[in-house]
Amino acid sequence: MMAEVGTTRRRTMLLVALTGLLAIGLIGWWTLPSRANTAAPPGMEAQTVQAGAVEVRMTPLTVDRSGAEFGLVLDTHTVPLDLDLPGAAQLRVNGDLAGAPAWDGPGPGGHHREGTLRFTTPIPPGATVELRITGLPQDAAATWTAL
């Protein structure tokens, strides 16, 4: 009888501990800031452009004196995405061509590509910034004003 009481007490304590850990984990997850839910500053929203059979979504992540970083998503169902993205990406700042970007994402091929383009050219506040992707059925371009 005493052994059963001890076993029941241990099971109850274990259940309470696990429930508490689960509650703490859920509260932590619920309160984490989400970049996806963070509203972009006015004028710096993501833009989606149809470039022939390819949908291109460009999201400015950083556009400031440290450079520019864009999230890029390309989707299609008809043509392979074989372009070299760093070679196909052009950034113009107030009309002047910025240096070549670095690409953090998958290489050429497939029907879906997603990654980040990084430019080291400083972007002054108020500059007009145009990101253009060439080499698609049509060029994809989007323009923002740096904050």
C-alpha atoms as a PDB file:
ATOM      1  CA  MET A   1       0.000   0.000   0.000  1.00  0.00           C
ATOM      2  CA  MET A   2       2.797   2.454   0.874  1.00  0.00           C
ATOM      3  CA  ALA A   3       4.601   1.609  -2.366  1.00  0.00           C
ATOM      4  CA  GLU A   4       1.467   2.440  -4.362  1.00  0.00           C
ATOM      5  CA  VAL A   5       1.113   5.819  -2.618  1.00  0.00           C
ATOM      6  CA  GLY A   6       4.764   6.667  -3.362  1.00  0.00           C
ATOM      7  CA  THR A   7       4.402   5.648  -7.023  1.00  0.00           C
ATOM      8  CA  THR A   8       1.192   7.667  -7.404  1.00  0.00           C
ATOM      9  CA  ARG A   9       2.817  10.706  -5.764  1.00  0.00           C
ATOM     10  CA  ARG A  10       5.836  10.486  -8.110  1.00  0.00           C
ATOM     11  CA  ARG A  11       3.603  10.174 -11.175  1.00  0.00           C
ATOM     12  CA  THR A  12       1.550  13.169 -10.046  1.00  0.00           C
ATOM     13  CA  MET A  13       4.681  15.262  -9.457  1.00  0.00           C
ATOM     14  CA  LEU A  14       6.089  14.241 -12.837  1.00  0.00           C
ATOM     15  CA  LEU A  15       2.809  15.145 -14.557  1.00  0.00           C
ATOM     16  CA  VAL A  16       2.726  18.544 -12.817  1.00  0.00           C
ATOM     17  CA  ALA A  17       6.361  19.217 -13.769  1.00  0.00           C
ATOM     18  CA  LEU A  18       5.802  18.271 -17.413  1.00  0.00           C
ATOM     19  CA  THR A  19       2.630  20.373 -17.586  1.00  0.00           C
ATOM     20  CA  GLY A  20       4.547  23.344 -16.153  1.00  0.00           C
ATOM     21  CA  LEU A  21       7.373  22.953 -18.663  1.00  0.00           C
ATOM     22  CA  LEU A  22       4.884  22.729 -21.496  1.00  0.00           C
ATOM     23  CA  ALA A  23       3.116  25.892 -20.278  1.00  0.00           C
ATOM     24  CA  ILE A  24       6.431  27.779 -20.004  1.00  0.00           C
ATOM     25  CA  GLY A  25       7.416  26.653 -23.512  1.00  0.00           C
ATOM     26  CA  LEU A  26       4.095  27.737 -24.991  1.00  0.00           C
ATOM     27  CA  ILE A  27       4.246  31.124 -23.275  1.00  0.00           C
ATOM     28  CA  GLY A  28       7.819  31.620 -24.525  1.00  0.00           C
ATOM     29  CA  TRP A  29       6.891  30.651 -28.069  1.00  0.00           C
ATOM     30  CA  TRP A  30       3.775  32.830 -28.016  1.00  0.00           C
ATOM     31  CA  THR A  31       5.730  35.927 -26.935  1.00  0.00           C
ATOM     32  CA  LEU A  32       8.686  35.537 -29.332  1.00  0.00           C
ATOM     33  CA  PRO A  33       8.913  38.416 -31.778  1.00  0.00           C
ATOM     34  CA  SER A  34       8.272  37.269 -35.319  1.00  0.00           C
ATOM     35  CA  ARG A  35       9.968  39.000 -38.225  1.00  0.00           C
ATOM     36  CA  ALA A  36       7.137  37.845 -40.463  1.00  0.00           C
ATOM     37  CA  ASN A  37       4.562  39.592 -38.264  1.00  0.00           C
ATOM     38  CA  THR A  38       6.577  42.789 -37.919  1.00  0.00           C
ATOM     39  CA  ALA A  39       5.159  45.504 -40.126  1.00  0.00           C
ATOM     40  CA  ALA A  40       7.669  46.998 -42.530  1.00  0.00           C
ATOM     41  CA  PRO A  41       8.231  50.725 -42.231  1.00  0.00           C
ATOM     42  CA  PRO A  42       6.008  52.732 -44.595  1.00  0.00           C
ATOM     43  CA  GLY A  43       7.430  52.652 -48.101  1.00  0.00           C
ATOM     44  CA  MET A  44       9.615  49.585 -47.371  1.00  0.00           C
ATOM     45  CA  GLU A  45       6.989  46.869 -47.823  1.00  0.00           C
ATOM     46  CA  ALA A  46       7.624  43.698 -49.809  1.00  0.00           C
ATOM     47  CA  GLN A  47       6.724  43.938 -53.485  1.00  0.00           C
ATOM     48  CA  THR A  48       5.648  41.095 -55.747  1.00  0.00           C
ATOM     49  CA  VAL A  49       6.317  41.409 -59.463  1.00  0.00           C
ATOM     50  CA  GLN A  50       5.173  39.109 -62.279  1.00  0.00           C
ATOM     51  CA  ALA A  51       8.111  38.569 -64.660  1.00  0.00           C
ATOM     52  CA  GLY A  52       6.478  36.543 -67.405  1.00  0.00           C
ATOM     53  CA  ALA A  53       5.826  33.089 -65.946  1.00  0.00           C
ATOM     54  CA  VAL A  54       7.886  33.840 -62.823  1.00  0.00           C
ATOM     55  CA  GLU A  55       6.519  35.505 -59.685  1.00  0.00           C
ATOM     56  CA  VAL A  56       9.242  37.438 -57.855  1.00  0.00           C
ATOM     57  CA  ARG A  57       8.767  38.660 -54.279  1.00  0.00           C
ATOM     58  CA  MET A  58      11.335  41.216 -53.065  1.00  0.00           C
ATOM     59  CA  THR A  59      11.427  42.128 -49.389  1.00  0.00           C
ATOM     60  CA  PRO A  60      13.766  44.863 -48.124  1.00  0.00           C
ATOM     61  CA  LEU A  61      15.297  43.595 -44.875  1.00  0.00           C
ATOM     62  CA  THR A  62      17.960  46.283 -44.438  1.00  0.00           C
ATOM     63  CA  VAL A  63      18.411  49.438 -46.486  1.00  0.00           C
ATOM     64  CA  ASP A  64      20.718  51.846 -44.705  1.00  0.00           C
ATOM     65  CA  ARG A  65      24.281  53.132 -44.426  1.00  0.00           C
ATOM     66  CA  SER A  66      25.496  49.560 -43.800  1.00  0.00           C
ATOM     67  CA  GLY A  67      24.208  48.426 -47.210  1.00  0.00           C
ATOM     68  CA  ALA A  68      21.107  46.682 -48.460  1.00  0.00           C
ATOM     69  CA  GLU A  69      19.728  43.221 -47.856  1.00  0.00           C
ATOM     70  CA  PHE A  70      16.702  41.804 -49.653  1.00  0.00           C
ATOM     71  CA  GLY A  71      14.747  38.613 -49.145  1.00  0.00           C
ATOM     72  CA  LEU A  72      13.998  37.146 -52.557  1.00  0.00           C
ATOM     73  CA  VAL A  73      11.469  34.458 -53.519  1.00  0.00           C
ATOM     74  CA  LEU A  74      11.069  33.233 -57.101  1.00  0.00           C
ATOM     75  CA  ASP A  75       8.225  30.873 -58.038  1.00  0.00           C
ATOM     76  CA  THR A  76       7.178  29.366 -61.353  1.00  0.00           C
ATOM     77  CA  HIS A  77       5.501  26.253 -62.710  1.00  0.00           C
ATOM     78  CA  THR A  78       6.699  26.488 -66.293  1.00  0.00           C
ATOM     79  CA  VAL A  79      10.346  27.566 -66.665  1.00  0.00           C
ATOM     80  CA  PRO A  80      13.434  26.371 -64.783  1.00  0.00           C
ATOM     81  CA  LEU A  81      15.060  29.054 -62.636  1.00  0.00           C
ATOM     82  CA  ASP A  82      18.558  28.562 -64.039  1.00  0.00           C
ATOM     83  CA  LEU A  83      19.771  32.140 -63.704  1.00  0.00           C
ATOM     84  CA  ASP A  84      22.824  33.101 -61.656  1.00  0.00           C
ATOM     85  CA  LEU A  85      21.116  35.395 -59.123  1.00  0.00           C
ATOM     86  CA  PRO A  86      24.155  37.464 -58.077  1.00  0.00           C
ATOM     87  CA  GLY A  87      24.896  38.089 -61.758  1.00  0.00           C
ATOM     88  CA  ALA A  88      21.247  38.821 -62.557  1.00  0.00           C
ATOM     89  CA  ALA A  89      20.644  41.247 -59.663  1.00  0.00           C
ATOM     90  CA  GLN A  90      21.212  44.957 -60.082  1.00  0.00           C
ATOM     91  CA  LEU A  91      20.810  47.557 -57.367  1.00  0.00           C
ATOM     92  CA  ARG A  92      20.596  51.209 -58.313  1.00  0.00           C
ATOM     93  CA  VAL A  93      20.902  53.915 -55.677  1.00  0.00           C
ATOM     94  CA  ASN A  94      19.727  57.308 -56.953  1.00  0.00           C
ATOM     95  CA  GLY A  95      20.319  55.943 -60.465  1.00  0.00           C
ATOM     96  CA  ASP A  96      23.898  54.762 -59.818  1.00  0.00           C
ATOM     97  CA  LEU A  97      24.681  51.050 -60.113  1.00  0.00           C
ATOM     98  CA  ALA A  98      25.803  49.526 -56.800  1.00  0.00           C
ATOM     99  CA  GLY A  99      28.411  46.797 -56.488  1.00  0.00           C
ATOM    100  CA  ALA A 100      27.693  43.115 -57.063  1.00  0.00           C
ATOM    101  CA  PRO A 101      25.700  41.297 -54.383  1.00  0.00           C
ATOM    102  CA  ALA A 102      26.329  38.149 -52.412  1.00  0.00           C
ATOM    103  CA  TRP A 103      23.617  35.461 -52.606  1.00  0.00           C
ATOM    104  CA  ASP A 104      22.690  33.263 -49.686  1.00  0.00           C
ATOM    105  CA  GLY A 105      20.379  30.632 -51.123  1.00  0.00           C
ATOM    106  CA  PRO A 106      20.197  27.636 -53.461  1.00  0.00           C
ATOM    107  CA  GLY A 107      21.990  27.580 -56.793  1.00  0.00           C
ATOM    108  CA  PRO A 108      20.430  27.586 -60.256  1.00  0.00           C
ATOM    109  CA  GLY A 109      17.608  25.188 -61.098  1.00  0.00           C
ATOM    110  CA  GLY A 110      14.152  24.153 -60.007  1.00  0.00           C
ATOM    111  CA  HIS A 111      10.880  26.029 -59.931  1.00  0.00           C
ATOM    112  CA  HIS A 112      11.250  27.688 -56.517  1.00  0.00           C
ATOM    113  CA  ARG A 113      14.215  29.632 -55.175  1.00  0.00           C
ATOM    114  CA  GLU A 114      14.411  31.588 -51.974  1.00  0.00           C
ATOM    115  CA  GLY A 115      17.300  33.383 -50.321  1.00  0.00           C
ATOM    116  CA  THR A 116      18.920  36.687 -49.457  1.00  0.00           C
ATOM    117  CA  LEU A 117      20.764  39.199 -51.646  1.00  0.00           C
ATOM    118  CA  ARG A 118      23.295  41.386 -49.800  1.00  0.00           C
ATOM    119  CA  PHE A 119      24.841  44.569 -51.190  1.00  0.00           C
ATOM    120  CA  THR A 120      27.609  46.380 -49.282  1.00  0.00           C
ATOM    121  CA  THR A 121      27.048  49.767 -50.959  1.00  0.00           C
ATOM    122  CA  PRO A 122      25.977  52.297 -48.284  1.00  0.00           C
ATOM    123  CA  ILE A 123      22.452  53.639 -48.809  1.00  0.00           C
ATOM    124  CA  PRO A 124      21.908  57.227 -47.641  1.00  0.00           C
ATOM    125  CA  PRO A 125      18.547  58.174 -46.092  1.00  0.00           C
ATOM    126  CA  GLY A 126      16.067  59.385 -48.683  1.00  0.00           C
ATOM    127  CA  ALA A 127      17.817  57.612 -51.585  1.00  0.00           C
ATOM    128  CA  THR A 128      15.742  56.007 -54.308  1.00  0.00           C
ATOM    129  CA  VAL A 129      16.624  52.319 -54.380  1.00  0.00           C
ATOM    130  CA  GLU A 130      15.718  50.041 -57.297  1.00  0.00           C
ATOM    131  CA  LEU A 131      16.299  46.284 -57.260  1.00  0.00           C
ATOM    132  CA  ARG A 132      16.122  44.672 -60.712  1.00  0.00           C
ATOM    133  CA  ILE A 133      16.407  40.974 -61.534  1.00  0.00           C
ATOM    134  CA  THR A 134      17.304  40.291 -65.166  1.00  0.00           C
ATOM    135  CA  GLY A 135      17.528  36.991 -67.045  1.00  0.00           C
ATOM    136  CA  LEU A 136      13.895  36.032 -66.447  1.00  0.00           C
ATOM    137  CA  PRO A 137      11.223  35.951 -69.184  1.00  0.00           C
ATOM    138  CA  GLN A 138      10.844  39.664 -68.265  1.00  0.00           C
ATOM    139  CA  ASP A 139      12.868  41.837 -65.890  1.00  0.00           C
ATOM    140  CA  ALA A 140      11.486  42.136 -62.363  1.00  0.00           C
ATOM    141  CA  ALA A 141      12.027  45.536 -60.738  1.00  0.00           C
ATOM    142  CA  ALA A 142      10.872  47.200 -57.536  1.00  0.00           C
ATOM    143  CA  THR A 143      11.633  50.622 -56.097  1.00  0.00           C
ATOM    144  CA  TRP A 144      11.731  51.958 -52.519  1.00  0.00           C
ATOM    145  CA  THR A 145      12.864  55.126 -50.763  1.00  0.00           C
ATOM    146  CA  ALA A 146      15.468  54.513 -48.056  1.00  0.00           C
ATOM    147  CA  LEU A 147      14.559  55.768 -44.610  1.00  0.00           C
END
